[in-house]
Amino acid sequence: MPNIQRWEPFRDLVSLREAMDGLFDKSFVPFRGFAFGENGETNYFPVDVTETSEEITVRAQMPGVRPEEVEISVHGNVLTIKSQAHSETLEEGKTWHRREIRSGAFARNFTLPADVNADSANANFEHGVLTLTLPKSEEAKPKRIEVRSVETSATPAISATV
């Protein structure tokens, strides 16, 4: 008796989708815009930005950077971090098989979620990680407003945070 298989039209569509995914995976060329330098090396550093009611904390991974080469500025609510990383110079007689360690000038600009008091900022650099603590300005901190009832003075006051 011959081997009969049931026809499933969606099986062919799934294999077409897998083929297209494979085509895009193999031919994807990374975007060479603001995040990449002329030779394809990245010229940015990854950051984490967190916020509490009192402060904003920025952590930036900056391996190969010396703390004295980091420049931080705050203008309004825009934070700018600049640095310089140095790489090994090309030497005669040395063959490079891969060169991925970044070098050169790097800069990032961030719009902070609130106004900060830059005069009270604290910056620490340890093991290639910059931790920047920016206390919020008094205007940016939450204010507590007491709500009173107008009807009777016997009603207890209600308070709310804005």
N, C-alpha and C. Protein backbone atom coordinates (compact mmCIF):
# COMPACT_ATOMS: atom_id res chain seq x y z
N MET A 1 0.85 -1.18 0.00
CA MET A 1 0.00 0.00 0.00
C MET A 1 0.89 1.24 0.00
N PRO A 2 0.60 2.21 -0.87
CA PRO A 2 1.45 3.41 -0.94
C PRO A 2 1.31 4.26 0.33
N ASN A 3 2.37 4.98 0.60
CA ASN A 3 2.40 5.86 1.76
C ASN A 3 1.71 7.17 1.41
N ILE A 4 0.58 7.46 2.00
CA ILE A 4 -0.20 8.65 1.68
C ILE A 4 -0.02 9.67 2.81
N GLN A 5 0.28 10.92 2.42
CA GLN A 5 0.42 11.99 3.39
C GLN A 5 -0.68 13.01 3.20
N ARG A 6 -1.16 13.49 4.28
CA ARG A 6 -2.20 14.51 4.23
C ARG A 6 -1.57 15.85 3.87
N TRP A 7 -2.18 16.60 2.96
CA TRP A 7 -1.65 17.89 2.55
C TRP A 7 -1.99 18.95 3.59
N GLU A 8 -0.98 19.68 4.04
CA GLU A 8 -1.16 20.76 5.00
C GLU A 8 -0.60 22.03 4.38
N PRO A 9 -1.45 22.94 3.94
CA PRO A 9 -0.96 24.14 3.24
C PRO A 9 -0.14 25.06 4.13
N PHE A 10 -0.40 25.07 5.43
CA PHE A 10 0.32 25.98 6.32
C PHE A 10 1.76 25.54 6.55
N ARG A 11 2.06 24.24 6.35
CA ARG A 11 3.43 23.76 6.49
C ARG A 11 4.33 24.46 5.48
N ASP A 12 3.85 24.64 4.25
CA ASP A 12 4.64 25.33 3.23
C ASP A 12 4.84 26.80 3.59
N LEU A 13 3.84 27.44 4.17
CA LEU A 13 3.99 28.84 4.56
C LEU A 13 5.01 28.99 5.68
N VAL A 14 5.01 28.08 6.64
CA VAL A 14 5.97 28.15 7.73
C VAL A 14 7.38 28.00 7.20
N SER A 15 7.60 27.08 6.29
CA SER A 15 8.95 26.91 5.75
C SER A 15 9.37 28.14 4.94
N LEU A 16 8.44 28.80 4.26
CA LEU A 16 8.76 30.04 3.55
C LEU A 16 9.17 31.12 4.54
N ARG A 17 8.45 31.21 5.65
CA ARG A 17 8.79 32.20 6.67
C ARG A 17 10.17 31.93 7.25
N GLU A 18 10.48 30.67 7.53
CA GLU A 18 11.80 30.32 8.05
C GLU A 18 12.89 30.67 7.05
N ALA A 19 12.61 30.44 5.77
CA ALA A 19 13.59 30.77 4.73
C ALA A 19 13.83 32.28 4.67
N MET A 20 12.78 33.07 4.79
CA MET A 20 12.93 34.53 4.76
C MET A 20 13.68 35.02 6.00
N ASP A 21 13.36 34.45 7.17
CA ASP A 21 14.09 34.82 8.39
C ASP A 21 15.57 34.53 8.23
N GLY A 22 15.89 33.36 7.70
CA GLY A 22 17.29 33.01 7.48
C GLY A 22 17.97 33.96 6.51
N LEU A 23 17.25 34.36 5.47
CA LEU A 23 17.81 35.29 4.50
C LEU A 23 18.15 36.63 5.15
N PHE A 24 17.24 37.15 5.99
CA PHE A 24 17.50 38.41 6.66
C PHE A 24 18.61 38.28 7.70
N ASP A 25 18.66 37.16 8.41
CA ASP A 25 19.71 36.96 9.40
C ASP A 25 21.10 36.93 8.76
N LYS A 26 21.20 36.29 7.60
CA LYS A 26 22.50 36.14 6.95
C LYS A 26 22.94 37.41 6.23
N SER A 27 22.00 38.23 5.79
CA SER A 27 22.38 39.40 4.99
C SER A 27 22.23 40.70 5.74
N PHE A 28 21.96 40.66 7.04
CA PHE A 28 21.77 41.89 7.81
C PHE A 28 23.08 42.64 7.94
N VAL A 29 23.07 43.90 7.57
CA VAL A 29 24.23 44.77 7.72
C VAL A 29 23.88 45.78 8.80
N PRO A 30 24.68 45.87 9.86
CA PRO A 30 24.33 46.79 10.93
C PRO A 30 24.33 48.25 10.47
N PHE A 31 23.45 49.02 11.07
CA PHE A 31 23.34 50.45 10.80
C PHE A 31 24.64 51.15 11.19
N ARG A 32 25.17 51.96 10.31
CA ARG A 32 26.42 52.65 10.57
C ARG A 32 26.15 54.15 10.73
N GLY A 33 25.25 54.47 11.64
CA GLY A 33 24.90 55.87 11.85
C GLY A 33 25.66 56.46 13.01
N PHE A 34 24.95 57.12 13.90
CA PHE A 34 25.60 57.84 14.99
C PHE A 34 26.34 56.93 15.95
N ALA A 35 25.94 55.66 16.05
CA ALA A 35 26.54 54.77 17.03
C ALA A 35 27.78 54.06 16.53
N PHE A 36 28.16 54.26 15.28
CA PHE A 36 29.31 53.58 14.73
C PHE A 36 30.27 54.58 14.12
N GLY A 37 31.55 54.30 14.27
CA GLY A 37 32.57 55.16 13.70
C GLY A 37 32.81 54.81 12.24
N GLU A 38 33.85 55.41 11.67
CA GLU A 38 34.13 55.22 10.25
C GLU A 38 34.48 53.78 9.91
N ASN A 39 35.18 53.08 10.80
CA ASN A 39 35.62 51.72 10.51
C ASN A 39 34.67 50.67 11.09
N GLY A 40 33.51 51.08 11.55
CA GLY A 40 32.53 50.13 12.07
C GLY A 40 32.61 49.94 13.57
N GLU A 41 33.59 50.54 14.24
CA GLU A 41 33.68 50.36 15.67
C GLU A 41 32.64 51.24 16.36
N THR A 42 32.15 50.78 17.48
CA THR A 42 31.14 51.55 18.19
C THR A 42 31.81 52.74 18.87
N ASN A 43 31.15 53.88 18.87
CA ASN A 43 31.71 55.04 19.55
C ASN A 43 30.73 55.56 20.60
N TYR A 44 30.14 54.64 21.31
CA TYR A 44 29.29 54.99 22.42
C TYR A 44 29.55 54.00 23.55
N PHE A 45 29.01 54.28 24.72
CA PHE A 45 29.16 53.38 25.85
C PHE A 45 27.77 53.13 26.43
N PRO A 46 27.51 51.92 26.90
CA PRO A 46 26.18 51.61 27.44
C PRO A 46 25.96 52.26 28.80
N VAL A 47 24.72 52.67 29.05
CA VAL A 47 24.38 53.33 30.32
C VAL A 47 23.07 52.78 30.87
N ASP A 48 22.91 52.93 32.18
CA ASP A 48 21.66 52.69 32.89
C ASP A 48 21.29 54.00 33.57
N VAL A 49 20.05 54.43 33.44
CA VAL A 49 19.57 55.65 34.11
C VAL A 49 18.39 55.25 34.98
N THR A 50 18.50 55.53 36.29
CA THR A 50 17.42 55.23 37.22
C THR A 50 17.03 56.50 37.96
N GLU A 51 15.82 56.48 38.51
CA GLU A 51 15.30 57.67 39.20
C GLU A 51 14.57 57.26 40.46
N THR A 52 14.79 58.02 41.52
CA THR A 52 13.99 57.91 42.74
C THR A 52 13.36 59.27 42.99
N SER A 53 12.65 59.41 44.08
CA SER A 53 12.03 60.70 44.38
C SER A 53 13.07 61.76 44.74
N GLU A 54 14.28 61.33 45.12
CA GLU A 54 15.31 62.27 45.56
C GLU A 54 16.41 62.53 44.53
N GLU A 55 16.70 61.52 43.66
CA GLU A 55 17.86 61.67 42.79
C GLU A 55 17.73 60.85 41.50
N ILE A 56 18.62 61.16 40.57
CA ILE A 56 18.76 60.42 39.33
C ILE A 56 20.16 59.83 39.33
N THR A 57 20.27 58.55 39.01
CA THR A 57 21.56 57.87 38.99
C THR A 57 21.85 57.39 37.57
N VAL A 58 23.05 57.69 37.10
CA VAL A 58 23.49 57.25 35.79
C VAL A 58 24.72 56.37 35.99
N ARG A 59 24.67 55.15 35.44
CA ARG A 59 25.83 54.25 35.49
C ARG A 59 26.25 54.01 34.05
N ALA A 60 27.53 54.25 33.76
CA ALA A 60 28.05 54.10 32.41
C ALA A 60 29.26 53.17 32.43
N GLN A 61 29.24 52.17 31.55
CA GLN A 61 30.39 51.28 31.42
C GLN A 61 31.37 51.91 30.46
N MET A 62 32.57 52.16 30.96
CA MET A 62 33.59 52.85 30.17
C MET A 62 34.94 52.16 30.32
N PRO A 63 35.07 50.90 29.87
CA PRO A 63 36.36 50.22 30.00
C PRO A 63 37.43 50.87 29.14
N GLY A 64 38.65 50.87 29.66
CA GLY A 64 39.77 51.45 28.92
C GLY A 64 39.86 52.95 29.04
N VAL A 65 39.02 53.55 29.86
CA VAL A 65 39.00 55.01 30.03
C VAL A 65 39.59 55.34 31.39
N ARG A 66 40.42 56.35 31.44
CA ARG A 66 40.97 56.81 32.72
C ARG A 66 40.02 57.85 33.32
N PRO A 67 39.83 57.82 34.64
CA PRO A 67 38.88 58.75 35.27
C PRO A 67 39.17 60.22 34.96
N GLU A 68 40.43 60.59 34.83
CA GLU A 68 40.76 62.00 34.56
C GLU A 68 40.40 62.42 33.14
N GLU A 69 40.06 61.46 32.28
CA GLU A 69 39.68 61.78 30.90
C GLU A 69 38.17 61.83 30.69
N VAL A 70 37.41 61.72 31.78
CA VAL A 70 35.95 61.78 31.68
C VAL A 70 35.52 63.21 31.94
N GLU A 71 34.69 63.74 31.05
CA GLU A 71 34.17 65.10 31.19
C GLU A 71 32.65 65.02 31.28
N ILE A 72 32.09 65.58 32.36
CA ILE A 72 30.65 65.53 32.60
C ILE A 72 30.14 66.97 32.70
N SER A 73 29.04 67.24 32.00
CA SER A 73 28.44 68.57 32.12
C SER A 73 26.92 68.45 32.12
N VAL A 74 26.27 69.38 32.79
CA VAL A 74 24.82 69.45 32.83
C VAL A 74 24.42 70.85 32.41
N HIS A 75 23.58 70.92 31.39
CA HIS A 75 23.06 72.20 30.93
C HIS A 75 21.54 72.08 30.89
N GLY A 76 20.86 72.74 31.82
CA GLY A 76 19.41 72.57 31.95
C GLY A 76 19.14 71.14 32.42
N ASN A 77 18.37 70.39 31.65
CA ASN A 77 18.14 69.00 32.03
C ASN A 77 18.83 68.04 31.03
N VAL A 78 19.88 68.52 30.36
CA VAL A 78 20.65 67.69 29.43
C VAL A 78 22.01 67.36 30.04
N LEU A 79 22.27 66.07 30.18
CA LEU A 79 23.53 65.57 30.71
C LEU A 79 24.41 65.14 29.55
N THR A 80 25.67 65.56 29.57
CA THR A 80 26.64 65.17 28.54
C THR A 80 27.81 64.50 29.23
N ILE A 81 28.16 63.30 28.73
CA ILE A 81 29.33 62.58 29.23
C ILE A 81 30.26 62.37 28.03
N LYS A 82 31.50 62.82 28.16
CA LYS A 82 32.50 62.67 27.10
C LYS A 82 33.71 61.94 27.69
N SER A 83 34.40 61.20 26.85
CA SER A 83 35.62 60.53 27.30
C SER A 83 36.51 60.21 26.12
N GLN A 84 37.67 59.70 26.43
CA GLN A 84 38.66 59.34 25.43
C GLN A 84 39.22 57.98 25.84
N ALA A 85 39.22 57.02 24.92
CA ALA A 85 39.83 55.72 25.18
C ALA A 85 40.99 55.54 24.22
N HIS A 86 42.06 54.97 24.72
CA HIS A 86 43.26 54.79 23.92
C HIS A 86 43.42 53.32 23.57
N SER A 87 43.95 53.06 22.40
CA SER A 87 44.19 51.68 21.99
C SER A 87 45.67 51.50 21.70
N GLU A 88 46.02 50.25 21.56
CA GLU A 88 47.39 49.91 21.23
C GLU A 88 47.69 50.38 19.81
N THR A 89 48.86 50.95 19.63
CA THR A 89 49.23 51.44 18.30
C THR A 89 49.64 50.28 17.41
N LEU A 90 49.45 50.46 16.13
CA LEU A 90 49.85 49.44 15.16
C LEU A 90 51.37 49.40 15.09
N GLU A 91 51.92 48.20 15.27
CA GLU A 91 53.37 48.05 15.24
C GLU A 91 53.79 47.28 14.01
N GLU A 92 54.95 47.61 13.53
CA GLU A 92 55.51 46.91 12.38
C GLU A 92 55.83 45.47 12.77
N GLY A 93 55.46 44.54 11.91
CA GLY A 93 55.75 43.13 12.17
C GLY A 93 54.69 42.42 13.00
N LYS A 94 53.67 43.13 13.44
CA LYS A 94 52.59 42.52 14.22
C LYS A 94 51.37 42.36 13.32
N THR A 95 50.83 41.14 13.29
CA THR A 95 49.65 40.87 12.46
C THR A 95 48.43 40.87 13.35
N TRP A 96 47.46 41.70 13.02
CA TRP A 96 46.20 41.76 13.76
C TRP A 96 45.20 40.81 13.11
N HIS A 97 44.62 39.92 13.90
CA HIS A 97 43.60 39.02 13.39
C HIS A 97 42.20 39.55 13.70
N ARG A 98 42.05 40.24 14.82
CA ARG A 98 40.80 40.91 15.18
C ARG A 98 41.18 42.17 15.94
N ARG A 99 40.44 43.22 15.68
CA ARG A 99 40.65 44.47 16.41
C ARG A 99 39.28 45.02 16.74
N GLU A 100 38.78 44.72 17.96
CA GLU A 100 37.43 45.10 18.36
C GLU A 100 37.41 46.05 19.55
N ILE A 101 38.52 46.20 20.24
CA ILE A 101 38.55 47.09 21.40
C ILE A 101 38.47 48.52 20.90
N ARG A 102 37.49 49.24 21.40
CA ARG A 102 37.22 50.57 20.91
C ARG A 102 38.27 51.57 21.38
N SER A 103 38.43 52.62 20.60
CA SER A 103 39.32 53.70 20.98
C SER A 103 38.80 54.98 20.33
N GLY A 104 39.32 56.08 20.81
CA GLY A 104 38.92 57.37 20.27
C GLY A 104 38.03 58.13 21.22
N ALA A 105 37.45 59.20 20.73
CA ALA A 105 36.58 60.06 21.54
C ALA A 105 35.16 59.51 21.51
N PHE A 106 34.50 59.56 22.67
CA PHE A 106 33.14 59.05 22.82
C PHE A 106 32.33 60.09 23.58
N ALA A 107 31.06 60.22 23.21
CA ALA A 107 30.19 61.17 23.90
C ALA A 107 28.76 60.68 23.87
N ARG A 108 28.03 60.95 24.94
CA ARG A 108 26.59 60.65 25.00
C ARG A 108 25.90 61.84 25.62
N ASN A 109 24.71 62.16 25.09
CA ASN A 109 23.85 63.21 25.63
C ASN A 109 22.55 62.57 26.07
N PHE A 110 22.04 62.97 27.24
CA PHE A 110 20.78 62.44 27.76
C PHE A 110 19.91 63.58 28.22
N THR A 111 18.64 63.51 27.91
CA THR A 111 17.68 64.43 28.49
C THR A 111 17.20 63.78 29.78
N LEU A 112 17.49 64.42 30.89
CA LEU A 112 17.13 63.87 32.19
C LEU A 112 15.64 64.02 32.44
N PRO A 113 15.03 63.10 33.18
CA PRO A 113 13.59 63.15 33.41
C PRO A 113 13.16 64.28 34.36
N ALA A 114 14.11 64.92 35.03
CA ALA A 114 13.78 66.01 35.95
C ALA A 114 14.98 66.95 36.05
N ASP A 115 14.73 68.16 36.52
CA ASP A 115 15.83 69.09 36.75
C ASP A 115 16.66 68.62 37.95
N VAL A 116 17.98 68.81 37.86
CA VAL A 116 18.87 68.34 38.92
C VAL A 116 19.69 69.50 39.47
N ASN A 117 20.24 69.30 40.64
CA ASN A 117 21.14 70.25 41.26
C ASN A 117 22.56 69.79 40.94
N ALA A 118 23.13 70.31 39.87
CA ALA A 118 24.45 69.87 39.39
C ALA A 118 25.56 70.20 40.39
N ASP A 119 25.37 71.23 41.21
CA ASP A 119 26.40 71.60 42.19
C ASP A 119 26.57 70.54 43.27
N SER A 120 25.55 69.74 43.52
CA SER A 120 25.62 68.69 44.54
C SER A 120 25.82 67.30 43.94
N ALA A 121 26.14 67.23 42.67
CA ALA A 121 26.32 65.94 42.00
C ALA A 121 27.56 65.23 42.52
N ASN A 122 27.54 63.90 42.44
CA ASN A 122 28.65 63.08 42.90
C ASN A 122 28.99 62.08 41.80
N ALA A 123 30.28 62.00 41.42
CA ALA A 123 30.70 61.07 40.37
C ALA A 123 31.81 60.18 40.90
N ASN A 124 31.62 58.86 40.75
CA ASN A 124 32.62 57.87 41.16
C ASN A 124 32.98 57.01 39.96
N PHE A 125 34.24 56.62 39.88
CA PHE A 125 34.70 55.78 38.78
C PHE A 125 35.45 54.60 39.38
N GLU A 126 34.89 53.39 39.18
CA GLU A 126 35.51 52.21 39.76
C GLU A 126 35.37 51.03 38.79
N HIS A 127 36.48 50.38 38.50
CA HIS A 127 36.52 49.20 37.63
C HIS A 127 35.88 49.46 36.27
N GLY A 128 36.12 50.64 35.71
CA GLY A 128 35.59 50.95 34.39
C GLY A 128 34.13 51.33 34.36
N VAL A 129 33.52 51.56 35.53
CA VAL A 129 32.11 51.95 35.59
C VAL A 129 32.01 53.32 36.26
N LEU A 130 31.43 54.27 35.54
CA LEU A 130 31.16 55.60 36.09
C LEU A 130 29.79 55.59 36.71
N THR A 131 29.70 55.99 37.98
CA THR A 131 28.40 56.12 38.66
C THR A 131 28.23 57.58 39.01
N LEU A 132 27.21 58.18 38.43
CA LEU A 132 26.93 59.59 38.61
C LEU A 132 25.61 59.74 39.35
N THR A 133 25.64 60.39 40.51
CA THR A 133 24.44 60.62 41.32
C THR A 133 24.10 62.10 41.24
N LEU A 134 22.91 62.39 40.73
CA LEU A 134 22.46 63.76 40.53
C LEU A 134 21.23 64.02 41.40
N PRO A 135 21.37 64.76 42.51
CA PRO A 135 20.19 65.05 43.32
C PRO A 135 19.22 65.95 42.56
N LYS A 136 17.94 65.67 42.72
CA LYS A 136 16.93 66.49 42.05
C LYS A 136 16.89 67.88 42.69
N SER A 137 16.55 68.88 41.88
CA SER A 137 16.39 70.22 42.42
C SER A 137 15.11 70.25 43.26
N GLU A 138 15.02 71.21 44.14
CA GLU A 138 13.85 71.31 45.03
C GLU A 138 12.56 71.46 44.24
N GLU A 139 12.64 72.16 43.09
CA GLU A 139 11.45 72.35 42.27
C GLU A 139 10.97 71.03 41.67
N ALA A 140 11.88 70.08 41.45
CA ALA A 140 11.53 68.81 40.81
C ALA A 140 11.05 67.75 41.80
N LYS A 141 11.30 67.98 43.09
CA LYS A 141 10.89 66.99 44.09
C LYS A 141 9.39 67.07 44.34
N PRO A 142 8.77 65.94 44.70
CA PRO A 142 7.33 65.96 45.00
C PRO A 142 7.03 66.83 46.21
N LYS A 143 5.94 67.54 46.15
CA LYS A 143 5.53 68.41 47.25
C LYS A 143 4.29 67.80 47.93
N ARG A 144 4.17 67.99 49.23
CA ARG A 144 3.02 67.50 49.97
C ARG A 144 2.10 68.68 50.26
N ILE A 145 0.85 68.55 49.83
CA ILE A 145 -0.13 69.61 50.01
C ILE A 145 -1.25 69.07 50.90
N GLU A 146 -1.54 69.81 51.95
CA GLU A 146 -2.58 69.39 52.88
C GLU A 146 -3.94 69.85 52.37
N VAL A 147 -4.90 68.94 52.38
CA VAL A 147 -6.25 69.25 51.92
C VAL A 147 -7.14 69.33 53.16
N ARG A 148 -7.85 70.47 53.30
CA ARG A 148 -8.75 70.65 54.44
C ARG A 148 -10.18 70.74 53.97
N SER A 149 -11.08 70.28 54.79
CA SER A 149 -12.49 70.35 54.48
C SER A 149 -13.01 71.72 54.88
N VAL A 150 -13.86 72.28 54.05
CA VAL A 150 -14.42 73.60 54.31
C VAL A 150 -15.68 73.49 55.15
N GLU A 151 -16.36 72.34 55.09
CA GLU A 151 -17.67 72.18 55.72
C GLU A 151 -17.62 72.32 57.24
N THR A 152 -16.81 71.51 57.91
CA THR A 152 -16.74 71.60 59.37
C THR A 152 -15.30 71.50 59.80
N SER A 153 -15.03 72.08 60.93
CA SER A 153 -13.67 72.01 61.44
C SER A 153 -13.43 70.69 62.17
N ALA A 154 -14.53 69.91 62.46
CA ALA A 154 -14.37 68.63 63.15
C ALA A 154 -13.88 67.53 62.21
N THR A 155 -13.98 67.74 60.91
CA THR A 155 -13.50 66.75 59.96
C THR A 155 -11.98 66.75 59.94
N PRO A 156 -11.36 65.59 60.05
CA PRO A 156 -9.90 65.55 60.06
C PRO A 156 -9.33 65.99 58.71
N ALA A 157 -8.15 66.56 58.75
CA ALA A 157 -7.49 67.02 57.52
C ALA A 157 -7.00 65.81 56.72
N ILE A 158 -7.07 65.93 55.43
CA ILE A 158 -6.59 64.90 54.52
C ILE A 158 -5.38 65.47 53.81
N SER A 159 -4.32 64.67 53.67
CA SER A 159 -3.14 65.17 52.96
C SER A 159 -2.90 64.30 51.72
N ALA A 160 -2.33 64.93 50.73
CA ALA A 160 -2.05 64.23 49.47
C ALA A 160 -0.70 64.65 48.97
N THR A 161 -0.03 63.78 48.23
CA THR A 161 1.25 64.11 47.63
C THR A 161 1.06 64.39 46.16
N VAL A 162 1.63 65.49 45.71
CA VAL A 162 1.50 65.87 44.31
C VAL A 162 2.81 65.63 43.62
